[in-house]
């Protein structure tokens, strides 16, 4: 049987969107980053394959906290889906059992990338 383990971290960042008429001025959001990894076995009460995922999310959140998304994701449109894809790329190399990465800002909804 497979199980899912989800970890979360939050960060505050600013951006200036190019999608008029919304978000044209520099403004900030509180983002929640979550990552779900799959596991089948436990090691002393800890899901095997997901050890360290909380710390990895905390480090990503710290890297982006109080930064400008336009600078952190140069040349890319900073949509929630693009952010989720970026975080997926960063986490997938560390966690072979990664299943899903979501980024939410509480207003515009959520962007997600999922392994099928």
PDB file of N, CA and C in Angstrom:
ATOM      1  N   UNK A   1       0.839  -1.170   0.000  1.00  0.00           N
ATOM      2  CA  UNK A   1       0.000   0.000   0.000  1.00  0.00           C
ATOM      3  C   UNK A   1       0.890   1.240   0.000  1.00  0.00           C
ATOM      4  N   UNK A   2       0.504   2.249  -0.758  1.00  0.00           N
ATOM      5  CA  UNK A   2       1.258   3.500  -0.786  1.00  0.00           C
ATOM      6  C   UNK A   2       0.563   4.560   0.068  1.00  0.00           C
ATOM      7  N   UNK A   3       1.383   5.428   0.643  1.00  0.00           N
ATOM      8  CA  UNK A   3       0.899   6.520   1.465  1.00  0.00           C
ATOM      9  C   UNK A   3       1.492   7.818   0.933  1.00  0.00           C
ATOM     10  N   UNK A   4       0.881   8.915   1.281  1.00  0.00           N
ATOM     11  CA  UNK A   4       1.381  10.228   0.865  1.00  0.00           C
ATOM     12  C   UNK A   4       1.763  11.030   2.102  1.00  0.00           C
ATOM     13  N   UNK A   5       2.856  11.750   1.984  1.00  0.00           N
ATOM     14  CA  UNK A   5       3.319  12.634   3.059  1.00  0.00           C
ATOM     15  C   UNK A   5       3.475  14.030   2.476  1.00  0.00           C
ATOM     16  N   UNK A   6       2.846  15.021   3.104  1.00  0.00           N
ATOM     17  CA  UNK A   6       2.895  16.392   2.614  1.00  0.00           C
ATOM     18  C   UNK A   6       3.552  17.299   3.644  1.00  0.00           C
ATOM     19  N   UNK A   7       4.487  18.098   3.175  1.00  0.00           N
ATOM     20  CA  UNK A   7       5.149  19.105   4.006  1.00  0.00           C
ATOM     21  C   UNK A   7       4.835  20.480   3.418  1.00  0.00           C
ATOM     22  N   UNK A   8       4.844  21.514   4.263  1.00  0.00           N
ATOM     23  CA  UNK A   8       4.547  22.875   3.819  1.00  0.00           C
ATOM     24  C   UNK A   8       5.538  23.873   4.396  1.00  0.00           C
ATOM     25  N   UNK A   9       5.706  24.965   3.661  1.00  0.00           N
ATOM     26  CA  UNK A   9       6.487  26.109   4.128  1.00  0.00           C
ATOM     27  C   UNK A   9       5.880  27.351   3.483  1.00  0.00           C
ATOM     28  N   UNK A  10       6.045  28.493   4.128  1.00  0.00           N
ATOM     29  CA  UNK A  10       5.490  29.741   3.604  1.00  0.00           C
ATOM     30  C   UNK A  10       6.581  30.786   3.441  1.00  0.00           C
ATOM     31  N   UNK A  11       6.332  31.712   2.518  1.00  0.00           N
ATOM     32  CA  UNK A  11       7.247  32.832   2.323  1.00  0.00           C
ATOM     33  C   UNK A  11       6.471  34.015   1.767  1.00  0.00           C
ATOM     34  N   UNK A  12       7.030  35.205   1.975  1.00  0.00           N
ATOM     35  CA  UNK A  12       6.450  36.439   1.442  1.00  0.00           C
ATOM     36  C   UNK A  12       7.339  36.924   0.308  1.00  0.00           C
ATOM     37  N   UNK A  13       6.725  37.308  -0.813  1.00  0.00           N
ATOM     38  CA  UNK A  13       7.494  37.802  -1.956  1.00  0.00           C
ATOM     39  C   UNK A  13       6.668  38.825  -2.716  1.00  0.00           C
ATOM     40  N   UNK A  14       7.359  39.652  -3.484  1.00  0.00           N
ATOM     41  CA  UNK A  14       6.680  40.669  -4.291  1.00  0.00           C
ATOM     42  C   UNK A  14       6.818  40.336  -5.763  1.00  0.00           C
ATOM     43  N   UNK A  15       5.948  40.965  -6.546  1.00  0.00           N
ATOM     44  CA  UNK A  15       6.055  40.858  -7.994  1.00  0.00           C
ATOM     45  C   UNK A  15       5.242  41.970  -8.645  1.00  0.00           C
ATOM     46  N   UNK A  16       5.503  42.143  -9.902  1.00  0.00           N
ATOM     47  CA  UNK A  16       4.734  43.068 -10.725  1.00  0.00           C
ATOM     48  C   UNK A  16       4.294  42.268 -11.937  1.00  0.00           C
ATOM     49  N   UNK A  17       3.017  42.012 -12.015  1.00  0.00           N
ATOM     50  CA  UNK A  17       2.500  41.175 -13.085  1.00  0.00           C
ATOM     51  C   UNK A  17       2.244  42.005 -14.337  1.00  0.00           C
ATOM     52  N   UNK A  18       2.336  41.360 -15.459  1.00  0.00           N
ATOM     53  CA  UNK A  18       2.091  42.040 -16.739  1.00  0.00           C
ATOM     54  C   UNK A  18       0.745  41.652 -17.312  1.00  0.00           C
ATOM     55  N   UNK A  19      -0.195  41.261 -16.453  1.00  0.00           N
ATOM     56  CA  UNK A  19      -1.534  40.887 -16.891  1.00  0.00           C
ATOM     57  C   UNK A  19      -2.537  41.956 -16.473  1.00  0.00           C
ATOM     58  N   UNK A  20      -2.691  43.018 -17.272  1.00  0.00           N
ATOM     59  CA  UNK A  20      -3.624  44.074 -16.887  1.00  0.00           C
ATOM     60  C   UNK A  20      -5.056  43.552 -16.845  1.00  0.00           C
ATOM     61  N   UNK A  21      -5.926  44.187 -16.112  1.00  0.00           N
ATOM     62  CA  UNK A  21      -5.654  45.347 -15.259  1.00  0.00           C
ATOM     63  C   UNK A  21      -5.232  44.950 -13.858  1.00  0.00           C
ATOM     64  N   UNK A  22      -5.119  43.668 -13.595  1.00  0.00           N
ATOM     65  CA  UNK A  22      -4.795  43.189 -12.256  1.00  0.00           C
ATOM     66  C   UNK A  22      -3.300  43.170 -12.016  1.00  0.00           C
ATOM     67  N   UNK A  23      -2.888  43.517 -10.838  1.00  0.00           N
ATOM     68  CA  UNK A  23      -1.509  43.307 -10.377  1.00  0.00           C
ATOM     69  C   UNK A  23      -0.452  44.090 -11.161  1.00  0.00           C
ATOM     70  N   UNK A  24      -0.798  45.231 -11.743  1.00  0.00           N
ATOM     71  CA  UNK A  24       0.187  45.979 -12.523  1.00  0.00           C
ATOM     72  C   UNK A  24       1.233  46.671 -11.655  1.00  0.00           C
ATOM     73  N   UNK A  25       0.883  47.008 -10.437  1.00  0.00           N
ATOM     74  CA  UNK A  25       1.819  47.663  -9.529  1.00  0.00           C
ATOM     75  C   UNK A  25       2.568  46.615  -8.706  1.00  0.00           C
ATOM     76  N   UNK A  26       3.774  46.968  -8.301  1.00  0.00           N
ATOM     77  CA  UNK A  26       4.550  46.086  -7.436  1.00  0.00           C
ATOM     78  C   UNK A  26       3.765  45.852  -6.144  1.00  0.00           C
ATOM     79  N   UNK A  27       3.594  44.611  -5.789  1.00  0.00           N
ATOM     80  CA  UNK A  27       2.834  44.263  -4.584  1.00  0.00           C
ATOM     81  C   UNK A  27       3.310  42.898  -4.093  1.00  0.00           C
ATOM     82  N   UNK A  28       2.873  42.513  -2.907  1.00  0.00           N
ATOM     83  CA  UNK A  28       3.339  41.275  -2.317  1.00  0.00           C
ATOM     84  C   UNK A  28       2.232  40.284  -2.024  1.00  0.00           C
ATOM     85  N   UNK A  29       2.643  39.047  -1.837  1.00  0.00           N
ATOM     86  CA  UNK A  29       1.742  37.959  -1.476  1.00  0.00           C
ATOM     87  C   UNK A  29       2.434  37.096  -0.425  1.00  0.00           C
ATOM     88  N   UNK A  30       1.627  36.395   0.328  1.00  0.00           N
ATOM     89  CA  UNK A  30       2.124  35.329   1.209  1.00  0.00           C
ATOM     90  C   UNK A  30       1.874  34.031   0.458  1.00  0.00           C
ATOM     91  N   UNK A  31       2.932  33.325   0.135  1.00  0.00           N
ATOM     92  CA  UNK A  31       2.833  32.090  -0.619  1.00  0.00           C
ATOM     93  C   UNK A  31       3.005  30.892   0.302  1.00  0.00           C
ATOM     94  N   UNK A  32       2.275  29.836   0.010  1.00  0.00           N
ATOM     95  CA  UNK A  32       2.441  28.572   0.705  1.00  0.00           C
ATOM     96  C   UNK A  32       2.926  27.555  -0.317  1.00  0.00           C
ATOM     97  N   UNK A  33       4.060  26.964  -0.025  1.00  0.00           N
ATOM     98  CA  UNK A  33       4.658  25.945  -0.860  1.00  0.00           C
ATOM     99  C   UNK A  33       4.431  24.600  -0.177  1.00  0.00           C
ATOM    100  N   UNK A  34       3.865  23.644  -0.905  1.00  0.00           N
ATOM    101  CA  UNK A  34       3.703  22.310  -0.328  1.00  0.00           C
ATOM    102  C   UNK A  34       4.227  21.267  -1.310  1.00  0.00           C
ATOM    103  N   UNK A  35       4.775  20.209  -0.760  1.00  0.00           N
ATOM    104  CA  UNK A  35       5.296  19.107  -1.566  1.00  0.00           C
ATOM    105  C   UNK A  35       4.808  17.801  -0.953  1.00  0.00           C
ATOM    106  N   UNK A  36       4.340  16.925  -1.822  1.00  0.00           N
ATOM    107  CA  UNK A  36       3.858  15.623  -1.400  1.00  0.00           C
ATOM    108  C   UNK A  36       4.756  14.546  -2.005  1.00  0.00           C
ATOM    109  N   UNK A  37       5.197  13.631  -1.166  1.00  0.00           N
ATOM    110  CA  UNK A  37       6.001  12.494  -1.607  1.00  0.00           C
ATOM    111  C   UNK A  37       5.271  11.219  -1.212  1.00  0.00           C
ATOM    112  N   UNK A  38       5.470  10.190  -2.010  1.00  0.00           N
ATOM    113  CA  UNK A  38       4.835   8.903  -1.755  1.00  0.00           C
ATOM    114  C   UNK A  38       5.808   7.997  -0.989  1.00  0.00           C
ATOM    115  N   UNK A  39       5.269   7.112  -0.185  1.00  0.00           N
ATOM    116  CA  UNK A  39       6.101   6.149   0.518  1.00  0.00           C
ATOM    117  C   UNK A  39       5.308   4.887   0.788  1.00  0.00           C
ATOM    118  N   UNK A  40       6.014   3.796   0.972  1.00  0.00           N
ATOM    119  CA  UNK A  40       5.378   2.508   1.246  1.00  0.00           C
ATOM    120  C   UNK A  40       5.754   1.952   2.607  1.00  0.00           C
ATOM    121  N   UNK A  41       6.887   2.385   3.130  1.00  0.00           N
ATOM    122  CA  UNK A  41       7.367   1.824   4.385  1.00  0.00           C
ATOM    123  C   UNK A  41       7.767   2.935   5.348  1.00  0.00           C
ATOM    124  N   UNK A  42       7.791   2.570   6.617  1.00  0.00           N
ATOM    125  CA  UNK A  42       8.221   3.494   7.659  1.00  0.00           C
ATOM    126  C   UNK A  42       9.551   3.013   8.229  1.00  0.00           C
ATOM    127  N   UNK A  43      10.409   3.965   8.589  1.00  0.00           N
ATOM    128  CA  UNK A  43      11.653   3.695   9.308  1.00  0.00           C
ATOM    129  C   UNK A  43      11.549   4.368  10.660  1.00  0.00           C
ATOM    130  N   UNK A  44      11.305   3.579  11.707  1.00  0.00           N
ATOM    131  CA  UNK A  44      11.178   4.129  13.059  1.00  0.00           C
ATOM    132  C   UNK A  44      10.168   5.269  13.134  1.00  0.00           C
ATOM    133  N   UNK A  45       9.031   5.088  12.499  1.00  0.00           N
ATOM    134  CA  UNK A  45       7.961   6.078  12.550  1.00  0.00           C
ATOM    135  C   UNK A  45       8.082   7.206  11.546  1.00  0.00           C
ATOM    136  N   UNK A  46       9.109   7.180  10.703  1.00  0.00           N
ATOM    137  CA  UNK A  46       9.311   8.220   9.699  1.00  0.00           C
ATOM    138  C   UNK A  46       9.126   7.604   8.313  1.00  0.00           C
ATOM    139  N   UNK A  47       8.331   8.237   7.439  1.00  0.00           N
ATOM    140  CA  UNK A  47       8.144   7.680   6.102  1.00  0.00           C
ATOM    141  C   UNK A  47       9.464   7.570   5.344  1.00  0.00           C
ATOM    142  N   UNK A  48       9.773   6.386   4.815  1.00  0.00           N
ATOM    143  CA  UNK A  48      11.010   6.157   4.059  1.00  0.00           C
ATOM    144  C   UNK A  48      10.924   6.889   2.715  1.00  0.00           C
ATOM    145  N   UNK A  49      11.979   7.619   2.383  1.00  0.00           N
ATOM    146  CA  UNK A  49      12.047   8.318   1.107  1.00  0.00           C
ATOM    147  C   UNK A  49      11.702   9.789   1.182  1.00  0.00           C
ATOM    148  N   UNK A  50      11.179  10.229   2.314  1.00  0.00           N
ATOM    149  CA  UNK A  50      10.796  11.640   2.430  1.00  0.00           C
ATOM    150  C   UNK A  50      11.564  12.376   3.528  1.00  0.00           C
ATOM    151  N   UNK A  51      12.542  11.705   4.116  1.00  0.00           N
ATOM    152  CA  UNK A  51      13.335  12.336   5.167  1.00  0.00           C
ATOM    153  C   UNK A  51      14.023  13.579   4.591  1.00  0.00           C
ATOM    154  N   UNK A  52      13.869  14.676   5.257  1.00  0.00           N
ATOM    155  CA  UNK A  52      14.511  15.914   4.831  1.00  0.00           C
ATOM    156  C   UNK A  52      13.652  16.809   3.962  1.00  0.00           C
ATOM    157  N   UNK A  53      12.462  16.364   3.614  1.00  0.00           N
ATOM    158  CA  UNK A  53      11.644  17.186   2.723  1.00  0.00           C
ATOM    159  C   UNK A  53      11.203  18.486   3.416  1.00  0.00           C
ATOM    160  N   UNK A  54      10.963  18.429   4.729  1.00  0.00           N
ATOM    161  CA  UNK A  54      10.589  19.655   5.450  1.00  0.00           C
ATOM    162  C   UNK A  54      11.726  20.674   5.393  1.00  0.00           C
ATOM    163  N   UNK A  55      12.948  20.206   5.627  1.00  0.00           N
ATOM    164  CA  UNK A  55      14.101  21.106   5.605  1.00  0.00           C
ATOM    165  C   UNK A  55      14.309  21.674   4.203  1.00  0.00           C
ATOM    166  N   UNK A  56      14.133  20.857   3.176  1.00  0.00           N
ATOM    167  CA  UNK A  56      14.283  21.324   1.795  1.00  0.00           C
ATOM    168  C   UNK A  56      13.264  22.419   1.484  1.00  0.00           C
ATOM    169  N   UNK A  57      12.033  22.251   1.939  1.00  0.00           N
ATOM    170  CA  UNK A  57      11.014  23.285   1.717  1.00  0.00           C
ATOM    171  C   UNK A  57      11.342  24.552   2.497  1.00  0.00           C
ATOM    172  N   UNK A  58      11.787  24.386   3.738  1.00  0.00           N
ATOM    173  CA  UNK A  58      12.169  25.547   4.545  1.00  0.00           C
ATOM    174  C   UNK A  58      13.289  26.339   3.867  1.00  0.00           C
ATOM    175  N   UNK A  59      14.272  25.638   3.298  1.00  0.00           N
ATOM    176  CA  UNK A  59      15.382  26.319   2.618  1.00  0.00           C
ATOM    177  C   UNK A  59      14.916  27.050   1.363  1.00  0.00           C
ATOM    178  N   UNK A  60      14.004  26.429   0.590  1.00  0.00           N
ATOM    179  CA  UNK A  60      13.460  27.107  -0.585  1.00  0.00           C
ATOM    180  C   UNK A  60      12.665  28.349  -0.182  1.00  0.00           C
ATOM    181  N   UNK A  61      11.852  28.202   0.860  1.00  0.00           N
ATOM    182  CA  UNK A  61      11.064  29.342   1.334  1.00  0.00           C
ATOM    183  C   UNK A  61      11.983  30.466   1.803  1.00  0.00           C
ATOM    184  N   UNK A  62      13.039  30.128   2.508  1.00  0.00           N
ATOM    185  CA  UNK A  62      13.994  31.130   2.977  1.00  0.00           C
ATOM    186  C   UNK A  62      14.677  31.827   1.803  1.00  0.00           C
ATOM    187  N   UNK A  63      15.001  31.071   0.776  1.00  0.00           N
ATOM    188  CA  UNK A  63      15.645  31.624  -0.416  1.00  0.00           C
ATOM    189  C   UNK A  63      14.747  32.662  -1.109  1.00  0.00           C
ATOM    190  N   UNK A  64      13.433  32.448  -1.075  1.00  0.00           N
ATOM    191  CA  UNK A  64      12.487  33.331  -1.757  1.00  0.00           C
ATOM    192  C   UNK A  64      11.871  34.388  -0.832  1.00  0.00           C
ATOM    193  N   UNK A  65      12.013  34.221   0.479  1.00  0.00           N
ATOM    194  CA  UNK A  65      11.348  35.111   1.428  1.00  0.00           C
ATOM    195  C   UNK A  65      11.820  36.553   1.286  1.00  0.00           C
ATOM    196  N   UNK A  66      10.868  37.450   1.173  1.00  0.00           N
ATOM    197  CA  UNK A  66      11.092  38.890   1.041  1.00  0.00           C
ATOM    198  C   UNK A  66      11.939  39.249  -0.184  1.00  0.00           C
ATOM    199  N   UNK A  67      11.787  38.458  -1.233  1.00  0.00           N
ATOM    200  CA  UNK A  67      12.461  38.731  -2.492  1.00  0.00           C
ATOM    201  C   UNK A  67      11.437  39.134  -3.540  1.00  0.00           C
ATOM    202  N   UNK A  68      11.942  39.618  -4.652  1.00  0.00           N
ATOM    203  CA  UNK A  68      11.088  39.983  -5.778  1.00  0.00           C
ATOM    204  C   UNK A  68      11.082  38.816  -6.765  1.00  0.00           C
ATOM    205  N   UNK A  69       9.923  38.265  -7.044  1.00  0.00           N
ATOM    206  CA  UNK A  69       9.826  37.093  -7.912  1.00  0.00           C
ATOM    207  C   UNK A  69      10.392  37.357  -9.297  1.00  0.00           C
ATOM    208  N   UNK A  70      10.267  38.597  -9.782  1.00  0.00           N
ATOM    209  CA  UNK A  70      10.803  38.953 -11.100  1.00  0.00           C
ATOM    210  C   UNK A  70      12.319  38.703 -11.143  1.00  0.00           C
ATOM    211  N   UNK A  71      12.988  38.866 -10.009  1.00  0.00           N
ATOM    212  CA  UNK A  71      14.433  38.635  -9.937  1.00  0.00           C
ATOM    213  C   UNK A  71      14.764  37.156  -9.704  1.00  0.00           C
ATOM    214  N   UNK A  72      13.902  36.464  -8.980  1.00  0.00           N
ATOM    215  CA  UNK A  72      14.162  35.066  -8.633  1.00  0.00           C
ATOM    216  C   UNK A  72      13.896  34.122  -9.805  1.00  0.00           C
ATOM    217  N   UNK A  73      12.956  34.492 -10.664  1.00  0.00           N
ATOM    218  CA  UNK A  73      12.602  33.668 -11.819  1.00  0.00           C
ATOM    219  C   UNK A  73      12.798  34.499 -13.088  1.00  0.00           C
ATOM    220  N   UNK A  74      14.024  34.887 -13.398  1.00  0.00           N
ATOM    221  CA  UNK A  74      14.262  35.780 -14.528  1.00  0.00           C
ATOM    222  C   UNK A  74      13.829  35.166 -15.851  1.00  0.00           C
ATOM    223  N   UNK A  75      13.223  36.004 -16.676  1.00  0.00           N
ATOM    224  CA  UNK A  75      12.808  35.573 -18.001  1.00  0.00           C
ATOM    225  C   UNK A  75      11.564  34.709 -18.015  1.00  0.00           C
ATOM    226  N   UNK A  76      10.990  34.483 -16.875  1.00  0.00           N
ATOM    227  CA  UNK A  76       9.803  33.639 -16.786  1.00  0.00           C
ATOM    228  C   UNK A  76       8.628  34.444 -16.250  1.00  0.00           C
ATOM    229  N   UNK A  77       7.447  34.066 -16.680  1.00  0.00           N
ATOM    230  CA  UNK A  77       6.236  34.649 -16.109  1.00  0.00           C
ATOM    231  C   UNK A  77       6.038  34.005 -14.743  1.00  0.00           C
ATOM    232  N   UNK A  78       5.866  34.830 -13.725  1.00  0.00           N
ATOM    233  CA  UNK A  78       5.801  34.291 -12.362  1.00  0.00           C
ATOM    234  C   UNK A  78       4.384  33.889 -11.961  1.00  0.00           C
ATOM    235  N   UNK A  79       3.779  33.000 -12.745  1.00  0.00           N
ATOM    236  CA  UNK A  79       2.479  32.461 -12.378  1.00  0.00           C
ATOM    237  C   UNK A  79       2.668  31.383 -11.313  1.00  0.00           C
ATOM    238  N   UNK A  80       1.583  31.025 -10.657  1.00  0.00           N
ATOM    239  CA  UNK A  80       1.663  29.983  -9.641  1.00  0.00           C
ATOM    240  C   UNK A  80       2.093  28.653 -10.258  1.00  0.00           C
ATOM    241  N   UNK A  81       1.615  28.352 -11.470  1.00  0.00           N
ATOM    242  CA  UNK A  81       2.026  27.105 -12.120  1.00  0.00           C
ATOM    243  C   UNK A  81       3.511  27.124 -12.469  1.00  0.00           C
ATOM    244  N   UNK A  82       4.026  28.247 -12.926  1.00  0.00           N
ATOM    245  CA  UNK A  82       5.455  28.350 -13.247  1.00  0.00           C
ATOM    246  C   UNK A  82       6.291  28.193 -11.981  1.00  0.00           C
ATOM    247  N   UNK A  83       5.824  28.793 -10.891  1.00  0.00           N
ATOM    248  CA  UNK A  83       6.532  28.650  -9.628  1.00  0.00           C
ATOM    249  C   UNK A  83       6.535  27.191  -9.180  1.00  0.00           C
ATOM    250  N   UNK A  84       5.394  26.515  -9.306  1.00  0.00           N
ATOM    251  CA  UNK A  84       5.312  25.107  -8.926  1.00  0.00           C
ATOM    252  C   UNK A  84       6.271  24.272  -9.771  1.00  0.00           C
ATOM    253  N   UNK A  85       6.355  24.558 -11.068  1.00  0.00           N
ATOM    254  CA  UNK A  85       7.275  23.828 -11.949  1.00  0.00           C
ATOM    255  C   UNK A  85       8.728  24.070 -11.543  1.00  0.00           C
ATOM    256  N   UNK A  86       9.057  25.310 -11.179  1.00  0.00           N
ATOM    257  CA  UNK A  86      10.410  25.635 -10.735  1.00  0.00           C
ATOM    258  C   UNK A  86      10.761  24.868  -9.459  1.00  0.00           C
ATOM    259  N   UNK A  87       9.844  24.889  -8.496  1.00  0.00           N
ATOM    260  CA  UNK A  87      10.095  24.179  -7.239  1.00  0.00           C
ATOM    261  C   UNK A  87      10.151  22.665  -7.470  1.00  0.00           C
ATOM    262  N   UNK A  88       9.339  22.154  -8.401  1.00  0.00           N
ATOM    263  CA  UNK A  88       9.409  20.729  -8.742  1.00  0.00           C
ATOM    264  C   UNK A  88      10.819  20.375  -9.198  1.00  0.00           C
ATOM    265  N   UNK A  89      11.351  21.183 -10.121  1.00  0.00           N
ATOM    266  CA  UNK A  89      12.692  20.934 -10.646  1.00  0.00           C
ATOM    267  C   UNK A  89      13.727  20.907  -9.524  1.00  0.00           C
ATOM    268  N   UNK A  90      13.580  21.807  -8.586  1.00  0.00           N
ATOM    269  CA  UNK A  90      14.540  21.880  -7.477  1.00  0.00           C
ATOM    270  C   UNK A  90      14.410  20.686  -6.527  1.00  0.00           C
ATOM    271  N   UNK A  91      13.188  20.209  -6.303  1.00  0.00           N
ATOM    272  CA  UNK A  91      12.965  19.140  -5.323  1.00  0.00           C
ATOM    273  C   UNK A  91      13.099  17.731  -5.903  1.00  0.00           C
ATOM    274  N   UNK A  92      12.757  17.544  -7.164  1.00  0.00           N
ATOM    275  CA  UNK A  92      12.747  16.204  -7.760  1.00  0.00           C
ATOM    276  C   UNK A  92      14.121  15.561  -7.753  1.00  0.00           C
ATOM    277  N   UNK A  93      15.161  16.360  -7.848  1.00  0.00           N
ATOM    278  CA  UNK A  93      16.522  15.817  -7.825  1.00  0.00           C
ATOM    279  C   UNK A  93      16.866  15.221  -6.453  1.00  0.00           C
ATOM    280  N   UNK A  94      16.214  15.727  -5.410  1.00  0.00           N
ATOM    281  CA  UNK A  94      16.505  15.263  -4.049  1.00  0.00           C
ATOM    282  C   UNK A  94      15.568  14.160  -3.575  1.00  0.00           C
ATOM    283  N   UNK A  95      14.353  14.125  -4.122  1.00  0.00           N
ATOM    284  CA  UNK A  95      13.328  13.212  -3.617  1.00  0.00           C
ATOM    285  C   UNK A  95      12.724  12.413  -4.763  1.00  0.00           C
ATOM    286  N   UNK A  96      13.195  11.177  -4.908  1.00  0.00           N
ATOM    287  CA  UNK A  96      12.750  10.323  -6.013  1.00  0.00           C
ATOM    288  C   UNK A  96      11.267   9.995  -5.916  1.00  0.00           C
ATOM    289  N   UNK A  97      10.714  10.071  -4.718  1.00  0.00           N
ATOM    290  CA  UNK A  97       9.308   9.720  -4.536  1.00  0.00           C
ATOM    291  C   UNK A  97       8.386  10.941  -4.586  1.00  0.00           C
ATOM    292  N   UNK A  98       8.909  12.077  -5.061  1.00  0.00           N
ATOM    293  CA  UNK A  98       8.099  13.296  -5.154  1.00  0.00           C
ATOM    294  C   UNK A  98       6.882  13.037  -6.040  1.00  0.00           C
ATOM    295  N   UNK A  99       5.718  13.443  -5.559  1.00  0.00           N
ATOM    296  CA  UNK A  99       4.473  13.203  -6.284  1.00  0.00           C
ATOM    297  C   UNK A  99       3.821  14.506  -6.748  1.00  0.00           C
ATOM    298  N   UNK A 100       3.855  15.533  -5.888  1.00  0.00           N
ATOM    299  CA  UNK A 100       3.151  16.768  -6.229  1.00  0.00           C
ATOM    300  C   UNK A 100       3.807  17.952  -5.541  1.00  0.00           C
ATOM    301  N   UNK A 101       3.821  19.090  -6.233  1.00  0.00           N
ATOM    302  CA  UNK A 101       4.280  20.357  -5.667  1.00  0.00           C
ATOM    303  C   UNK A 101       3.190  21.383  -5.954  1.00  0.00           C
ATOM    304  N   UNK A 102       2.795  22.121  -4.924  1.00  0.00           N
ATOM    305  CA  UNK A 102       1.767  23.156  -5.061  1.00  0.00           C
ATOM    306  C   UNK A 102       2.299  24.475  -4.526  1.00  0.00           C
ATOM    307  N   UNK A 103       1.848  25.565  -5.154  1.00  0.00           N
ATOM    308  CA  UNK A 103       2.114  26.909  -4.668  1.00  0.00           C
ATOM    309  C   UNK A 103       0.777  27.635  -4.642  1.00  0.00           C
ATOM    310  N   UNK A 104       0.445  28.211  -3.498  1.00  0.00           N
ATOM    311  CA  UNK A 104      -0.810  28.947  -3.348  1.00  0.00           C
ATOM    312  C   UNK A 104      -0.515  30.310  -2.762  1.00  0.00           C
ATOM    313  N   UNK A 105      -1.336  31.294  -3.143  1.00  0.00           N
ATOM    314  CA  UNK A 105      -1.154  32.626  -2.572  1.00  0.00           C
ATOM    315  C   UNK A 105      -2.385  33.103  -1.821  1.00  0.00           C
ATOM    316  N   UNK A 106      -3.380  32.271  -1.678  1.00  0.00           N
ATOM    317  CA  UNK A 106      -4.556  32.624  -0.904  1.00  0.00           C
ATOM    318  C   UNK A 106      -5.551  33.488  -1.634  1.00  0.00           C
ATOM    319  N   UNK A 107      -5.178  34.043  -2.783  1.00  0.00           N
ATOM    320  CA  UNK A 107      -6.081  34.911  -3.535  1.00  0.00           C
ATOM    321  C   UNK A 107      -6.393  34.331  -4.910  1.00  0.00           C
ATOM    322  N   UNK A 108      -5.352  34.058  -5.665  1.00  0.00           N
ATOM    323  CA  UNK A 108      -5.530  33.610  -7.046  1.00  0.00           C
ATOM    324  C   UNK A 108      -5.704  32.105  -7.143  1.00  0.00           C
ATOM    325  N   UNK A 109      -5.654  31.425  -6.028  1.00  0.00           N
ATOM    326  CA  UNK A 109      -5.814  29.981  -6.076  1.00  0.00           C
ATOM    327  C   UNK A 109      -4.504  29.263  -5.882  1.00  0.00           C
ATOM    328  N   UNK A 110      -4.277  28.267  -6.718  1.00  0.00           N
ATOM    329  CA  UNK A 110      -3.152  27.361  -6.510  1.00  0.00           C
ATOM    330  C   UNK A 110      -2.610  26.894  -7.852  1.00  0.00           C
ATOM    331  N   UNK A 111      -1.304  26.762  -7.939  1.00  0.00           N
ATOM    332  CA  UNK A 111      -0.653  26.149  -9.092  1.00  0.00           C
ATOM    333  C   UNK A 111      -0.059  24.838  -8.634  1.00  0.00           C
ATOM    334  N   UNK A 112      -0.146  23.809  -9.464  1.00  0.00           N
ATOM    335  CA  UNK A 112       0.349  22.496  -9.050  1.00  0.00           C
ATOM    336  C   UNK A 112       1.000  21.753 -10.205  1.00  0.00           C
ATOM    337  N   UNK A 113       1.985  20.969  -9.877  1.00  0.00           N
ATOM    338  CA  UNK A 113       2.632  20.042 -10.793  1.00  0.00           C
ATOM    339  C   UNK A 113       2.546  18.677 -10.132  1.00  0.00           C
ATOM    340  N   UNK A 114       2.073  17.673 -10.869  1.00  0.00           N
ATOM    341  CA  UNK A 114       1.885  16.341 -10.290  1.00  0.00           C
ATOM    342  C   UNK A 114       2.487  15.278 -11.201  1.00  0.00           C
ATOM    343  N   UNK A 115       3.086  14.291 -10.584  1.00  0.00           N
ATOM    344  CA  UNK A 115       3.632  13.150 -11.307  1.00  0.00           C
ATOM    345  C   UNK A 115       2.477  12.193 -11.624  1.00  0.00           C
ATOM    346  N   UNK A 116       2.424  11.739 -12.860  1.00  0.00           N
ATOM    347  CA  UNK A 116       1.350  10.818 -13.252  1.00  0.00           C
ATOM    348  C   UNK A 116       1.934   9.453 -13.543  1.00  0.00           C
TER     349      UNK A 116
END
